[in-house]
Amino acid sequence: MRAIVDEETCIGCGRCVEICPEVFELEGEIAVNKIGEGNDISPQYEQLCEEAASECPVEAIMIEQ
């Protein structure tokens, strides 16, 4: 599973960082996937990443299986 942040859509609210700081962080005013968008998420964080995506107010996080 991969998590991709659309930097053009992200408003930097930080909700994803609150939910899953192991994967997401803020760089300036934009959230990024700190393990790299091309890298697989560790299975232990998959549910948190899905929650972060569903909680994003502007739907800027996409999950790829």
Protein backbone atom coordinates (compact mmCIF):
# COMPACT_ATOMS: atom_id res chain seq x y z
CA MET A 1 0.00 0.00 0.00
CA ARG A 2 1.16 3.52 -0.80
CA ALA A 3 -0.07 6.92 0.37
CA ILE A 4 0.20 9.86 -2.00
CA VAL A 5 -0.36 13.47 -0.97
CA ASP A 6 -1.59 15.85 -3.68
CA GLU A 7 0.48 18.90 -2.80
CA GLU A 8 -1.70 21.14 -4.97
CA THR A 9 -4.81 20.17 -3.02
CA CYS A 10 -3.31 19.98 0.49
CA ILE A 11 -4.14 22.91 2.77
CA GLY A 12 -1.69 21.90 5.50
CA CYS A 13 -4.27 21.37 8.23
CA GLY A 14 -2.04 18.73 9.82
CA ARG A 15 -4.80 16.22 10.53
CA CYS A 16 -2.87 13.43 8.78
CA VAL A 17 0.19 14.18 10.92
CA GLU A 18 -1.94 13.98 14.07
CA ILE A 19 -3.36 10.61 12.98
CA CYS A 20 -0.20 8.99 11.60
CA PRO A 21 3.03 10.91 12.36
CA GLU A 22 5.01 7.80 11.45
CA VAL A 23 4.13 8.39 7.79
CA PHE A 24 3.09 12.04 7.39
CA GLU A 25 4.80 15.30 8.29
CA LEU A 26 4.39 18.96 7.41
CA GLU A 27 7.00 20.58 5.20
CA GLY A 28 6.22 24.24 5.47
CA GLU A 29 2.49 24.45 4.89
CA ILE A 30 2.11 21.18 2.96
CA ALA A 31 1.83 17.60 4.22
CA VAL A 32 4.17 15.03 2.74
CA ASN A 33 4.68 11.30 3.01
CA LYS A 34 7.99 11.20 4.85
CA ILE A 35 8.82 7.62 3.84
CA GLY A 36 8.44 8.49 0.16
CA GLU A 37 5.36 8.17 -2.00
CA GLY A 38 6.87 5.36 -4.05
CA ASN A 39 7.59 3.24 -0.98
CA ASP A 40 5.21 0.79 0.61
CA ILE A 41 3.68 1.68 3.96
CA SER A 42 4.49 -0.74 6.74
CA PRO A 43 1.45 -2.95 7.37
CA GLN A 44 1.22 -1.70 10.95
CA TYR A 45 0.44 1.83 9.66
CA GLU A 46 -1.96 0.95 6.83
CA GLN A 47 -5.14 1.44 8.87
CA LEU A 48 -3.89 4.79 10.21
CA CYS A 49 -3.05 5.95 6.67
CA GLU A 50 -6.53 5.02 5.50
CA GLU A 51 -7.98 6.96 8.43
CA ALA A 52 -5.79 9.96 7.61
CA ALA A 53 -7.02 9.86 4.01
CA SER A 54 -10.66 9.70 5.08
CA GLU A 55 -10.21 12.52 7.62
CA CYS A 56 -8.47 14.89 5.17
CA PRO A 57 -10.90 17.80 4.72
CA VAL A 58 -9.87 18.36 1.11
CA GLU A 59 -9.28 14.69 0.14
CA ALA A 60 -5.61 15.35 -0.67
CA ILE A 61 -4.42 11.86 0.33
CA MET A 62 -4.81 8.98 -2.10
CA ILE A 63 -4.26 5.38 -1.09
CA GLU A 64 -2.97 2.88 -3.65
CA GLN A 65 -3.15 -0.83 -2.88
